[in-house]
Amino acid sequence: MNNLGEYLCENCRPYFEQLNRFYEDKIKEFEERIIELERENKEIKKRLLAYENAHTPPSKQRFPVREKSSSGKKGRPEGYPGSTRKFRKPDRTINLTAKKC
């Protein structure tokens, strides 16, 4: 870009040099910012690996939100035979009163 200054007239050359310095400074700022963001990105990815390895318990893993199915109610199908235990009569009954509320 410095070679372009040779082809400019004497009146335009100072403006060109000023613009050139301005853009070189901006480029340096952007390069520094890119380095900073890459460092930050690397740190975030490193922290994220703690949640994505094979030894992470299921309670700590993060899952994508699933859509709810609208296929009907949850639970066992209608008419399915139950498998609960039968009630027994209690051996004894104890009456208790509360001393504090």
C-alpha atoms as a PDB file:
ATOM      1  CA  MET A   1       0.000   0.000   0.000  1.00  0.00           C
ATOM      2  CA  ASN A   2       2.950   2.298   0.557  1.00  0.00           C
ATOM      3  CA  ASN A   3       3.811   2.016  -3.132  1.00  0.00           C
ATOM      4  CA  LEU A   4       0.573   3.786  -4.048  1.00  0.00           C
ATOM      5  CA  GLY A   5       1.844   6.985  -2.430  1.00  0.00           C
ATOM      6  CA  GLU A   6       4.435   7.318  -5.185  1.00  0.00           C
ATOM      7  CA  TYR A   7       1.707   7.723  -7.797  1.00  0.00           C
ATOM      8  CA  LEU A   8      -0.191  10.466  -5.957  1.00  0.00           C
ATOM      9  CA  CYS A   9       0.231  14.179  -6.445  1.00  0.00           C
ATOM     10  CA  GLU A  10       1.981  16.261  -3.767  1.00  0.00           C
ATOM     11  CA  ASN A  11      -1.350  17.589  -2.419  1.00  0.00           C
ATOM     12  CA  CYS A  12      -2.883  14.119  -1.966  1.00  0.00           C
ATOM     13  CA  ARG A  13       0.165  12.369  -0.508  1.00  0.00           C
ATOM     14  CA  PRO A  14      -0.235  13.687   3.117  1.00  0.00           C
ATOM     15  CA  TYR A  15      -3.878  12.555   3.198  1.00  0.00           C
ATOM     16  CA  PHE A  16      -2.910   9.174   1.853  1.00  0.00           C
ATOM     17  CA  GLU A  17      -0.186   8.772   4.487  1.00  0.00           C
ATOM     18  CA  GLN A  18      -2.588   9.826   7.232  1.00  0.00           C
ATOM     19  CA  LEU A  19      -5.196   7.326   6.039  1.00  0.00           C
ATOM     20  CA  ASN A  20      -2.541   4.655   5.727  1.00  0.00           C
ATOM     21  CA  ARG A  21      -1.413   5.183   9.361  1.00  0.00           C
ATOM     22  CA  PHE A  22      -5.035   5.169  10.525  1.00  0.00           C
ATOM     23  CA  TYR A  23      -5.779   1.856   8.812  1.00  0.00           C
ATOM     24  CA  GLU A  24      -2.522   0.286   9.990  1.00  0.00           C
ATOM     25  CA  ASP A  25      -3.475   1.199  13.577  1.00  0.00           C
ATOM     26  CA  LYS A  26      -6.945  -0.266  13.064  1.00  0.00           C
ATOM     27  CA  ILE A  27      -5.454  -3.466  11.667  1.00  0.00           C
ATOM     28  CA  LYS A  28      -3.218  -3.774  14.751  1.00  0.00           C
ATOM     29  CA  GLU A  29      -6.234  -3.255  17.027  1.00  0.00           C
ATOM     30  CA  PHE A  30      -8.200  -5.923  15.184  1.00  0.00           C
ATOM     31  CA  GLU A  31      -5.304  -8.384  15.252  1.00  0.00           C
ATOM     32  CA  GLU A  32      -4.943  -7.898  19.024  1.00  0.00           C
ATOM     33  CA  ARG A  33      -8.686  -8.355  19.469  1.00  0.00           C
ATOM     34  CA  ILE A  34      -8.611 -11.544  17.372  1.00  0.00           C
ATOM     35  CA  ILE A  35      -5.820 -12.958  19.540  1.00  0.00           C
ATOM     36  CA  GLU A  36      -7.777 -12.060  22.683  1.00  0.00           C
ATOM     37  CA  LEU A  37     -10.977 -13.677  21.373  1.00  0.00           C
ATOM     38  CA  GLU A  38      -9.144 -16.817  20.261  1.00  0.00           C
ATOM     39  CA  ARG A  39      -7.636 -17.147  23.745  1.00  0.00           C
ATOM     40  CA  GLU A  40     -11.069 -16.678  25.323  1.00  0.00           C
ATOM     41  CA  ASN A  41     -12.631 -19.192  22.911  1.00  0.00           C
ATOM     42  CA  LYS A  42      -9.959 -21.758  23.755  1.00  0.00           C
ATOM     43  CA  GLU A  43     -10.608 -21.305  27.498  1.00  0.00           C
ATOM     44  CA  ILE A  44     -14.371 -21.672  27.063  1.00  0.00           C
ATOM     45  CA  LYS A  45     -13.962 -24.828  24.966  1.00  0.00           C
ATOM     46  CA  LYS A  46     -11.666 -26.252  27.638  1.00  0.00           C
ATOM     47  CA  ARG A  47     -14.271 -25.607  30.345  1.00  0.00           C
ATOM     48  CA  LEU A  48     -17.003 -27.090  28.157  1.00  0.00           C
ATOM     49  CA  LEU A  49     -15.103 -30.369  27.879  1.00  0.00           C
ATOM     50  CA  ALA A  50     -15.820 -30.949  31.569  1.00  0.00           C
ATOM     51  CA  TYR A  51     -19.464 -31.480  30.638  1.00  0.00           C
ATOM     52  CA  GLU A  52     -18.869 -33.611  27.559  1.00  0.00           C
ATOM     53  CA  ASN A  53     -16.599 -36.459  28.618  1.00  0.00           C
ATOM     54  CA  ALA A  54     -17.541 -40.081  29.224  1.00  0.00           C
ATOM     55  CA  HIS A  55     -17.153 -39.832  33.008  1.00  0.00           C
ATOM     56  CA  THR A  56     -19.624 -37.005  33.524  1.00  0.00           C
ATOM     57  CA  PRO A  57     -22.642 -38.140  35.543  1.00  0.00           C
ATOM     58  CA  PRO A  58     -26.012 -37.778  33.817  1.00  0.00           C
ATOM     59  CA  SER A  59     -27.093 -35.079  36.267  1.00  0.00           C
ATOM     60  CA  LYS A  60     -24.274 -32.813  35.059  1.00  0.00           C
ATOM     61  CA  GLN A  61     -24.672 -33.437  31.329  1.00  0.00           C
ATOM     62  CA  ARG A  62     -26.527 -30.864  29.338  1.00  0.00           C
ATOM     63  CA  PHE A  63     -29.092 -32.085  26.871  1.00  0.00           C
ATOM     64  CA  PRO A  64     -30.882 -30.214  24.110  1.00  0.00           C
ATOM     65  CA  VAL A  65     -34.470 -29.327  24.869  1.00  0.00           C
ATOM     66  CA  ARG A  66     -36.766 -31.975  23.431  1.00  0.00           C
ATOM     67  CA  GLU A  67     -40.176 -31.281  22.015  1.00  0.00           C
ATOM     68  CA  LYS A  68     -43.097 -32.718  23.950  1.00  0.00           C
ATOM     69  CA  SER A  69     -44.955 -35.434  22.135  1.00  0.00           C
ATOM     70  CA  SER A  70     -48.666 -34.921  21.764  1.00  0.00           C
ATOM     71  CA  SER A  71     -49.417 -38.627  21.441  1.00  0.00           C
ATOM     72  CA  GLY A  72     -51.773 -38.717  24.428  1.00  0.00           C
ATOM     73  CA  LYS A  73     -51.604 -39.140  28.153  1.00  0.00           C
ATOM     74  CA  LYS A  74     -48.653 -40.622  29.956  1.00  0.00           C
ATOM     75  CA  GLY A  75     -48.653 -43.832  31.927  1.00  0.00           C
ATOM     76  CA  ARG A  76     -49.801 -47.356  31.349  1.00  0.00           C
ATOM     77  CA  PRO A  77     -52.374 -48.163  28.673  1.00  0.00           C
ATOM     78  CA  GLU A  78     -56.076 -48.365  29.531  1.00  0.00           C
ATOM     79  CA  GLY A  79     -57.213 -51.844  30.567  1.00  0.00           C
ATOM     80  CA  TYR A  80     -53.751 -52.933  31.620  1.00  0.00           C
ATOM     81  CA  PRO A  81     -53.897 -55.242  34.678  1.00  0.00           C
ATOM     82  CA  GLY A  82     -52.627 -53.640  37.882  1.00  0.00           C
ATOM     83  CA  SER A  83     -49.790 -55.032  39.954  1.00  0.00           C
ATOM     84  CA  THR A  84     -50.211 -53.326  43.339  1.00  0.00           C
ATOM     85  CA  ARG A  85     -49.955 -55.105  46.678  1.00  0.00           C
ATOM     86  CA  LYS A  86     -53.103 -55.967  48.582  1.00  0.00           C
ATOM     87  CA  PHE A  87     -53.946 -53.985  51.721  1.00  0.00           C
ATOM     88  CA  ARG A  88     -53.601 -55.696  55.085  1.00  0.00           C
ATOM     89  CA  LYS A  89     -55.424 -54.873  58.274  1.00  0.00           C
ATOM     90  CA  PRO A  90     -53.138 -53.074  60.759  1.00  0.00           C
ATOM     91  CA  ASP A  91     -51.879 -55.083  63.754  1.00  0.00           C
ATOM     92  CA  ARG A  92     -52.422 -52.158  66.135  1.00  0.00           C
ATOM     93  CA  THR A  93     -53.467 -48.498  66.072  1.00  0.00           C
ATOM     94  CA  ILE A  94     -51.678 -45.763  68.045  1.00  0.00           C
ATOM     95  CA  ASN A  95     -53.407 -42.412  68.655  1.00  0.00           C
ATOM     96  CA  LEU A  96     -51.000 -39.463  68.910  1.00  0.00           C
ATOM     97  CA  THR A  97     -51.633 -35.816  69.730  1.00  0.00           C
ATOM     98  CA  ALA A  98     -49.384 -32.961  68.689  1.00  0.00           C
ATOM     99  CA  LYS A  99     -47.622 -31.090  71.509  1.00  0.00           C
ATOM    100  CA  LYS A 100     -46.552 -28.203  69.230  1.00  0.00           C
ATOM    101  CA  CYS A 101     -48.077 -26.757  66.159  1.00  0.00           C
END
